[in-house]
Amino acid sequence: MHVEVNTGNGVENTESLQRWATDHLVETLERFQQDITRIEVQLTDENRGKSGADDKRCMLEARLAHHQPIAVSHHAETQDDAFRGAARKLLHALDHTLGKLRDHHRDRDSIRRDVEVTGVFPSAPV
């Protein structure tokens, strides 16, 4: 999984920011690593350094193999809170989207067909 960090409006893009964002996303989204090809991070200060409530914004876009990209954003008072909030939202979105696909393609029978569980034996063919 490749992580690309982009910044704008007064947020400085440093090597340590890139490393921190990559480490956090790899750890948080570990179970989806086989599905994600790239994650783009966009950090901005919407007030350009002026103080204000929830003026830091983080947008995350996960590029998935064989699926449409998933994008989320989060506003917060600090850059760290905005990033972590967006990461939680992305985790939830991936759980929802990829979990549904995995559930749909399972190769298992319903528990209702299990003789030991239901106590009902299938009828013999006539």
N, C-alpha and C. Protein backbone atom coordinates (compact mmCIF):
# COMPACT_ATOMS: atom_id res chain seq x y z
N MET A 1 0.85 -1.17 0.00
CA MET A 1 0.00 0.00 0.00
C MET A 1 0.90 1.23 0.00
N HIS A 2 0.71 2.08 -0.98
CA HIS A 2 1.49 3.31 -1.10
C HIS A 2 0.67 4.47 -0.53
N VAL A 3 1.29 5.30 0.30
CA VAL A 3 0.62 6.46 0.89
C VAL A 3 1.25 7.73 0.33
N GLU A 4 0.43 8.59 -0.24
CA GLU A 4 0.87 9.87 -0.82
C GLU A 4 0.27 10.99 0.01
N VAL A 5 1.12 11.83 0.60
CA VAL A 5 0.66 12.94 1.44
C VAL A 5 0.82 14.25 0.67
N ASN A 6 -0.28 14.99 0.54
CA ASN A 6 -0.27 16.31 -0.09
C ASN A 6 -0.78 17.31 0.93
N THR A 7 -0.21 18.50 0.92
CA THR A 7 -0.63 19.53 1.86
C THR A 7 -0.92 20.82 1.10
N GLY A 8 -1.65 21.70 1.75
CA GLY A 8 -1.96 22.98 1.15
C GLY A 8 -2.41 23.97 2.19
N ASN A 9 -2.48 25.24 1.81
CA ASN A 9 -2.98 26.32 2.67
C ASN A 9 -2.29 26.38 4.02
N GLY A 10 -0.99 26.45 4.00
CA GLY A 10 -0.26 26.68 5.25
C GLY A 10 0.16 25.44 6.01
N VAL A 11 -0.13 24.25 5.52
CA VAL A 11 0.33 23.03 6.18
C VAL A 11 1.62 22.59 5.49
N GLU A 12 2.67 22.44 6.30
CA GLU A 12 3.98 22.08 5.75
C GLU A 12 4.09 20.57 5.58
N ASN A 13 4.51 20.15 4.40
CA ASN A 13 4.70 18.73 4.11
C ASN A 13 6.16 18.37 4.40
N THR A 14 6.36 17.57 5.42
CA THR A 14 7.71 17.16 5.80
C THR A 14 7.85 15.65 5.68
N GLU A 15 9.08 15.20 5.71
CA GLU A 15 9.35 13.76 5.67
C GLU A 15 8.78 13.06 6.89
N SER A 16 8.85 13.72 8.05
CA SER A 16 8.31 13.10 9.27
C SER A 16 6.78 12.98 9.19
N LEU A 17 6.11 13.96 8.57
CA LEU A 17 4.67 13.89 8.38
C LEU A 17 4.32 12.71 7.47
N GLN A 18 5.06 12.57 6.39
CA GLN A 18 4.85 11.45 5.45
C GLN A 18 5.04 10.12 6.17
N ARG A 19 6.10 9.98 6.93
CA ARG A 19 6.40 8.74 7.65
C ARG A 19 5.31 8.44 8.69
N TRP A 20 4.92 9.47 9.46
CA TRP A 20 3.90 9.29 10.49
C TRP A 20 2.57 8.88 9.88
N ALA A 21 2.14 9.55 8.82
CA ALA A 21 0.88 9.24 8.15
C ALA A 21 0.90 7.82 7.59
N THR A 22 2.00 7.45 6.97
CA THR A 22 2.12 6.11 6.40
C THR A 22 2.05 5.06 7.49
N ASP A 23 2.81 5.23 8.56
CA ASP A 23 2.80 4.26 9.65
C ASP A 23 1.42 4.11 10.26
N HIS A 24 0.75 5.23 10.50
CA HIS A 24 -0.58 5.19 11.11
C HIS A 24 -1.59 4.49 10.21
N LEU A 25 -1.59 4.81 8.92
CA LEU A 25 -2.55 4.21 8.00
C LEU A 25 -2.27 2.72 7.77
N VAL A 26 -1.01 2.35 7.67
CA VAL A 26 -0.67 0.93 7.49
C VAL A 26 -1.14 0.12 8.69
N GLU A 27 -0.93 0.65 9.88
CA GLU A 27 -1.37 -0.04 11.10
C GLU A 27 -2.90 -0.08 11.20
N THR A 28 -3.55 1.03 10.96
CA THR A 28 -5.00 1.12 11.09
C THR A 28 -5.73 0.28 10.05
N LEU A 29 -5.23 0.24 8.83
CA LEU A 29 -5.91 -0.43 7.73
C LEU A 29 -5.25 -1.75 7.35
N GLU A 30 -4.55 -2.35 8.28
CA GLU A 30 -3.76 -3.56 8.02
C GLU A 30 -4.57 -4.67 7.35
N ARG A 31 -5.78 -4.91 7.80
CA ARG A 31 -6.55 -6.04 7.26
C ARG A 31 -7.04 -5.80 5.84
N PHE A 32 -6.91 -4.56 5.33
CA PHE A 32 -7.33 -4.26 3.96
C PHE A 32 -6.15 -4.08 3.02
N GLN A 33 -4.95 -4.41 3.45
CA GLN A 33 -3.76 -4.16 2.64
C GLN A 33 -3.81 -4.84 1.28
N GLN A 34 -4.43 -6.02 1.20
CA GLN A 34 -4.50 -6.70 -0.09
C GLN A 34 -5.48 -6.03 -1.04
N ASP A 35 -6.38 -5.21 -0.52
CA ASP A 35 -7.38 -4.55 -1.35
C ASP A 35 -6.98 -3.13 -1.76
N ILE A 36 -6.12 -2.47 -0.97
CA ILE A 36 -5.77 -1.07 -1.21
C ILE A 36 -4.47 -0.99 -1.99
N THR A 37 -4.49 -0.25 -3.10
CA THR A 37 -3.26 -0.05 -3.86
C THR A 37 -2.56 1.24 -3.45
N ARG A 38 -3.37 2.28 -3.14
CA ARG A 38 -2.78 3.57 -2.78
C ARG A 38 -3.77 4.36 -1.94
N ILE A 39 -3.22 5.17 -1.04
CA ILE A 39 -4.04 6.10 -0.26
C ILE A 39 -3.47 7.49 -0.47
N GLU A 40 -4.34 8.42 -0.83
CA GLU A 40 -3.93 9.81 -0.97
C GLU A 40 -4.46 10.59 0.22
N VAL A 41 -3.56 11.36 0.83
CA VAL A 41 -3.89 12.17 2.00
C VAL A 41 -3.78 13.63 1.59
N GLN A 42 -4.81 14.41 1.89
CA GLN A 42 -4.78 15.85 1.61
C GLN A 42 -5.05 16.58 2.92
N LEU A 43 -4.05 17.28 3.43
CA LEU A 43 -4.18 18.06 4.66
C LEU A 43 -4.19 19.54 4.32
N THR A 44 -5.19 20.26 4.82
CA THR A 44 -5.27 21.69 4.57
C THR A 44 -5.70 22.44 5.82
N ASP A 45 -5.28 23.69 5.89
CA ASP A 45 -5.73 24.62 6.93
C ASP A 45 -6.64 25.61 6.21
N GLU A 46 -7.93 25.46 6.41
CA GLU A 46 -8.88 26.23 5.63
C GLU A 46 -8.88 27.72 5.97
N ASN A 47 -8.33 28.08 7.14
CA ASN A 47 -8.24 29.50 7.51
C ASN A 47 -6.83 30.05 7.31
N ARG A 48 -5.95 29.26 6.74
CA ARG A 48 -4.56 29.66 6.46
C ARG A 48 -3.85 30.25 7.67
N GLY A 49 -3.85 29.52 8.76
CA GLY A 49 -3.10 29.94 9.93
C GLY A 49 -3.87 30.74 10.94
N LYS A 50 -5.00 31.29 10.56
CA LYS A 50 -5.83 32.01 11.52
C LYS A 50 -6.54 30.99 12.40
N SER A 51 -6.80 31.41 13.62
CA SER A 51 -7.48 30.47 14.52
C SER A 51 -8.96 30.39 14.16
N GLY A 52 -9.52 29.24 14.43
CA GLY A 52 -10.93 29.04 14.16
C GLY A 52 -11.31 27.61 14.50
N ALA A 53 -12.56 27.40 14.79
CA ALA A 53 -13.03 26.07 15.15
C ALA A 53 -13.07 25.16 13.92
N ASP A 54 -12.53 24.00 14.08
CA ASP A 54 -12.55 22.97 13.03
C ASP A 54 -12.06 23.48 11.68
N ASP A 55 -10.95 24.20 11.68
CA ASP A 55 -10.44 24.74 10.43
C ASP A 55 -9.41 23.84 9.74
N LYS A 56 -9.00 22.77 10.40
CA LYS A 56 -8.07 21.80 9.77
C LYS A 56 -8.91 20.72 9.11
N ARG A 57 -8.54 20.38 7.89
CA ARG A 57 -9.30 19.38 7.12
C ARG A 57 -8.36 18.31 6.61
N CYS A 58 -8.80 17.05 6.74
CA CYS A 58 -8.06 15.94 6.16
C CYS A 58 -9.00 15.16 5.26
N MET A 59 -8.57 14.95 4.04
CA MET A 59 -9.32 14.13 3.09
C MET A 59 -8.46 12.92 2.78
N LEU A 60 -9.04 11.73 2.88
CA LEU A 60 -8.34 10.49 2.54
C LEU A 60 -9.09 9.82 1.40
N GLU A 61 -8.35 9.38 0.40
CA GLU A 61 -8.94 8.63 -0.70
C GLU A 61 -8.18 7.33 -0.85
N ALA A 62 -8.89 6.22 -0.69
CA ALA A 62 -8.29 4.90 -0.84
C ALA A 62 -8.59 4.39 -2.24
N ARG A 63 -7.53 4.08 -2.97
CA ARG A 63 -7.67 3.49 -4.30
C ARG A 63 -7.65 1.98 -4.11
N LEU A 64 -8.69 1.32 -4.57
CA LEU A 64 -8.85 -0.11 -4.35
C LEU A 64 -8.64 -0.89 -5.64
N ALA A 65 -8.09 -2.08 -5.49
CA ALA A 65 -7.95 -2.97 -6.63
C ALA A 65 -9.32 -3.51 -7.00
N HIS A 66 -9.73 -3.35 -8.23
CA HIS A 66 -10.97 -3.89 -8.77
C HIS A 66 -12.24 -3.26 -8.19
N HIS A 67 -12.15 -2.08 -7.59
CA HIS A 67 -13.32 -1.39 -7.03
C HIS A 67 -13.16 0.11 -7.22
N GLN A 68 -14.23 0.83 -7.05
CA GLN A 68 -14.19 2.28 -7.11
C GLN A 68 -13.45 2.82 -5.89
N PRO A 69 -12.78 3.97 -6.01
CA PRO A 69 -12.11 4.57 -4.85
C PRO A 69 -13.12 4.98 -3.78
N ILE A 70 -12.65 5.03 -2.54
CA ILE A 70 -13.46 5.46 -1.41
C ILE A 70 -12.80 6.71 -0.83
N ALA A 71 -13.56 7.79 -0.67
CA ALA A 71 -13.02 9.04 -0.14
C ALA A 71 -13.83 9.48 1.09
N VAL A 72 -13.11 9.99 2.08
CA VAL A 72 -13.73 10.53 3.29
C VAL A 72 -12.99 11.80 3.67
N SER A 73 -13.63 12.65 4.47
CA SER A 73 -12.94 13.83 4.98
C SER A 73 -13.41 14.09 6.41
N HIS A 74 -12.57 14.82 7.14
CA HIS A 74 -12.88 15.14 8.53
C HIS A 74 -12.30 16.52 8.86
N HIS A 75 -13.08 17.34 9.55
CA HIS A 75 -12.64 18.66 10.02
C HIS A 75 -12.42 18.58 11.53
N ALA A 76 -11.38 19.26 12.02
CA ALA A 76 -11.09 19.30 13.45
C ALA A 76 -10.28 20.54 13.77
N GLU A 77 -10.04 20.75 15.07
CA GLU A 77 -9.27 21.91 15.50
C GLU A 77 -7.78 21.74 15.25
N THR A 78 -7.28 20.50 15.27
CA THR A 78 -5.85 20.26 15.04
C THR A 78 -5.67 19.35 13.84
N GLN A 79 -4.51 19.41 13.26
CA GLN A 79 -4.16 18.57 12.12
C GLN A 79 -4.20 17.10 12.52
N ASP A 80 -3.69 16.78 13.71
CA ASP A 80 -3.68 15.41 14.21
C ASP A 80 -5.10 14.87 14.36
N ASP A 81 -6.00 15.65 14.96
CA ASP A 81 -7.38 15.21 15.14
C ASP A 81 -8.09 15.03 13.79
N ALA A 82 -7.82 15.91 12.86
CA ALA A 82 -8.44 15.80 11.54
C ALA A 82 -7.98 14.53 10.84
N PHE A 83 -6.68 14.24 10.93
CA PHE A 83 -6.14 13.04 10.29
C PHE A 83 -6.70 11.78 10.93
N ARG A 84 -6.68 11.72 12.26
CA ARG A 84 -7.17 10.52 12.96
C ARG A 84 -8.68 10.32 12.74
N GLY A 85 -9.43 11.40 12.71
CA GLY A 85 -10.86 11.30 12.44
C GLY A 85 -11.14 10.78 11.05
N ALA A 86 -10.38 11.27 10.07
CA ALA A 86 -10.54 10.79 8.70
C ALA A 86 -10.14 9.32 8.59
N ALA A 87 -9.09 8.91 9.30
CA ALA A 87 -8.65 7.52 9.28
C ALA A 87 -9.75 6.60 9.85
N ARG A 88 -10.40 7.04 10.94
CA ARG A 88 -11.50 6.24 11.51
C ARG A 88 -12.66 6.13 10.51
N LYS A 89 -12.98 7.24 9.84
CA LYS A 89 -14.06 7.22 8.86
C LYS A 89 -13.72 6.30 7.68
N LEU A 90 -12.45 6.33 7.26
CA LEU A 90 -12.04 5.47 6.14
C LEU A 90 -12.12 4.00 6.55
N LEU A 91 -11.70 3.68 7.76
CA LEU A 91 -11.78 2.31 8.26
C LEU A 91 -13.24 1.85 8.25
N HIS A 92 -14.14 2.69 8.73
CA HIS A 92 -15.56 2.34 8.74
C HIS A 92 -16.09 2.15 7.31
N ALA A 93 -15.72 3.03 6.41
CA ALA A 93 -16.18 2.93 5.02
C ALA A 93 -15.67 1.66 4.35
N LEU A 94 -14.41 1.31 4.61
CA LEU A 94 -13.84 0.08 4.05
C LEU A 94 -14.52 -1.15 4.65
N ASP A 95 -14.76 -1.13 5.96
CA ASP A 95 -15.48 -2.23 6.61
C ASP A 95 -16.85 -2.42 5.95
N HIS A 96 -17.54 -1.31 5.74
CA HIS A 96 -18.87 -1.37 5.16
C HIS A 96 -18.83 -1.88 3.72
N THR A 97 -17.99 -1.30 2.90
CA THR A 97 -17.95 -1.64 1.48
C THR A 97 -17.36 -3.01 1.22
N LEU A 98 -16.16 -3.26 1.73
CA LEU A 98 -15.50 -4.54 1.45
C LEU A 98 -16.10 -5.67 2.27
N GLY A 99 -16.61 -5.36 3.45
CA GLY A 99 -17.26 -6.39 4.25
C GLY A 99 -18.50 -6.92 3.56
N LYS A 100 -19.29 -6.04 2.96
CA LYS A 100 -20.47 -6.46 2.21
C LYS A 100 -20.08 -7.35 1.03
N LEU A 101 -19.03 -6.97 0.33
CA LEU A 101 -18.60 -7.77 -0.82
C LEU A 101 -18.11 -9.14 -0.37
N ARG A 102 -17.38 -9.20 0.71
CA ARG A 102 -16.88 -10.49 1.22
C ARG A 102 -18.03 -11.36 1.72
N ASP A 103 -19.00 -10.76 2.39
CA ASP A 103 -20.16 -11.52 2.87
C ASP A 103 -20.96 -12.07 1.70
N HIS A 104 -21.07 -11.29 0.65
CA HIS A 104 -21.84 -11.71 -0.51
C HIS A 104 -21.20 -12.88 -1.24
N HIS A 105 -19.89 -12.99 -1.22
CA HIS A 105 -19.18 -14.01 -1.98
C HIS A 105 -18.71 -15.18 -1.12
N ARG A 106 -19.26 -15.36 0.06
CA ARG A 106 -18.85 -16.48 0.90
C ARG A 106 -19.33 -17.79 0.31
N ASP A 107 -18.54 -18.83 0.50
CA ASP A 107 -18.88 -20.17 0.02
C ASP A 107 -19.28 -21.05 1.20
N ARG A 108 -20.30 -20.67 1.92
CA ARG A 108 -20.73 -21.50 3.03
C ARG A 108 -22.24 -21.64 2.98
N ASP A 109 -22.70 -22.74 3.53
CA ASP A 109 -24.14 -22.98 3.59
C ASP A 109 -24.72 -22.29 4.81
N SER A 110 -26.02 -22.15 4.78
CA SER A 110 -26.73 -21.58 5.90
C SER A 110 -26.73 -22.56 7.06
N ILE A 111 -26.72 -22.06 8.26
CA ILE A 111 -26.76 -22.92 9.44
C ILE A 111 -28.09 -23.67 9.51
N ARG A 112 -29.12 -23.15 8.88
CA ARG A 112 -30.44 -23.79 8.88
C ARG A 112 -30.43 -25.13 8.17
N ARG A 113 -29.44 -25.38 7.36
CA ARG A 113 -29.37 -26.65 6.64
C ARG A 113 -28.56 -27.69 7.39
N ASP A 114 -28.01 -27.32 8.50
CA ASP A 114 -27.19 -28.24 9.29
C ASP A 114 -28.11 -29.14 10.12
N VAL A 115 -28.06 -30.46 9.88
CA VAL A 115 -28.94 -31.42 10.53
C VAL A 115 -28.76 -31.39 12.04
N GLU A 116 -27.51 -31.29 12.51
CA GLU A 116 -27.27 -31.31 13.94
C GLU A 116 -27.89 -30.11 14.64
N VAL A 117 -27.93 -28.98 14.00
CA VAL A 117 -28.46 -27.76 14.61
C VAL A 117 -29.99 -27.76 14.59
N THR A 118 -30.59 -28.13 13.47
CA THR A 118 -32.04 -28.03 13.35
C THR A 118 -32.76 -29.27 13.85
N GLY A 119 -32.11 -30.44 13.80
CA GLY A 119 -32.76 -31.69 14.21
C GLY A 119 -33.69 -32.21 13.14
N VAL A 120 -33.74 -31.58 12.00
CA VAL A 120 -34.60 -32.00 10.90
C VAL A 120 -33.72 -32.62 9.83
N PHE A 121 -34.10 -33.79 9.38
CA PHE A 121 -33.34 -34.46 8.36
C PHE A 121 -33.95 -34.15 7.00
N PRO A 122 -33.12 -33.95 5.99
CA PRO A 122 -33.68 -33.67 4.67
C PRO A 122 -34.49 -34.86 4.19
N SER A 123 -35.53 -34.58 3.44
CA SER A 123 -36.37 -35.68 2.95
C SER A 123 -35.62 -36.44 1.87
N ALA A 124 -35.90 -37.73 1.80
CA ALA A 124 -35.27 -38.60 0.82
C ALA A 124 -35.93 -38.36 -0.52
N PRO A 125 -35.12 -38.41 -1.59
CA PRO A 125 -35.71 -38.22 -2.93
C PRO A 125 -36.67 -39.36 -3.26
N VAL A 126 -37.71 -39.03 -3.97
CA VAL A 126 -38.74 -40.01 -4.31
C VAL A 126 -38.42 -40.67 -5.61
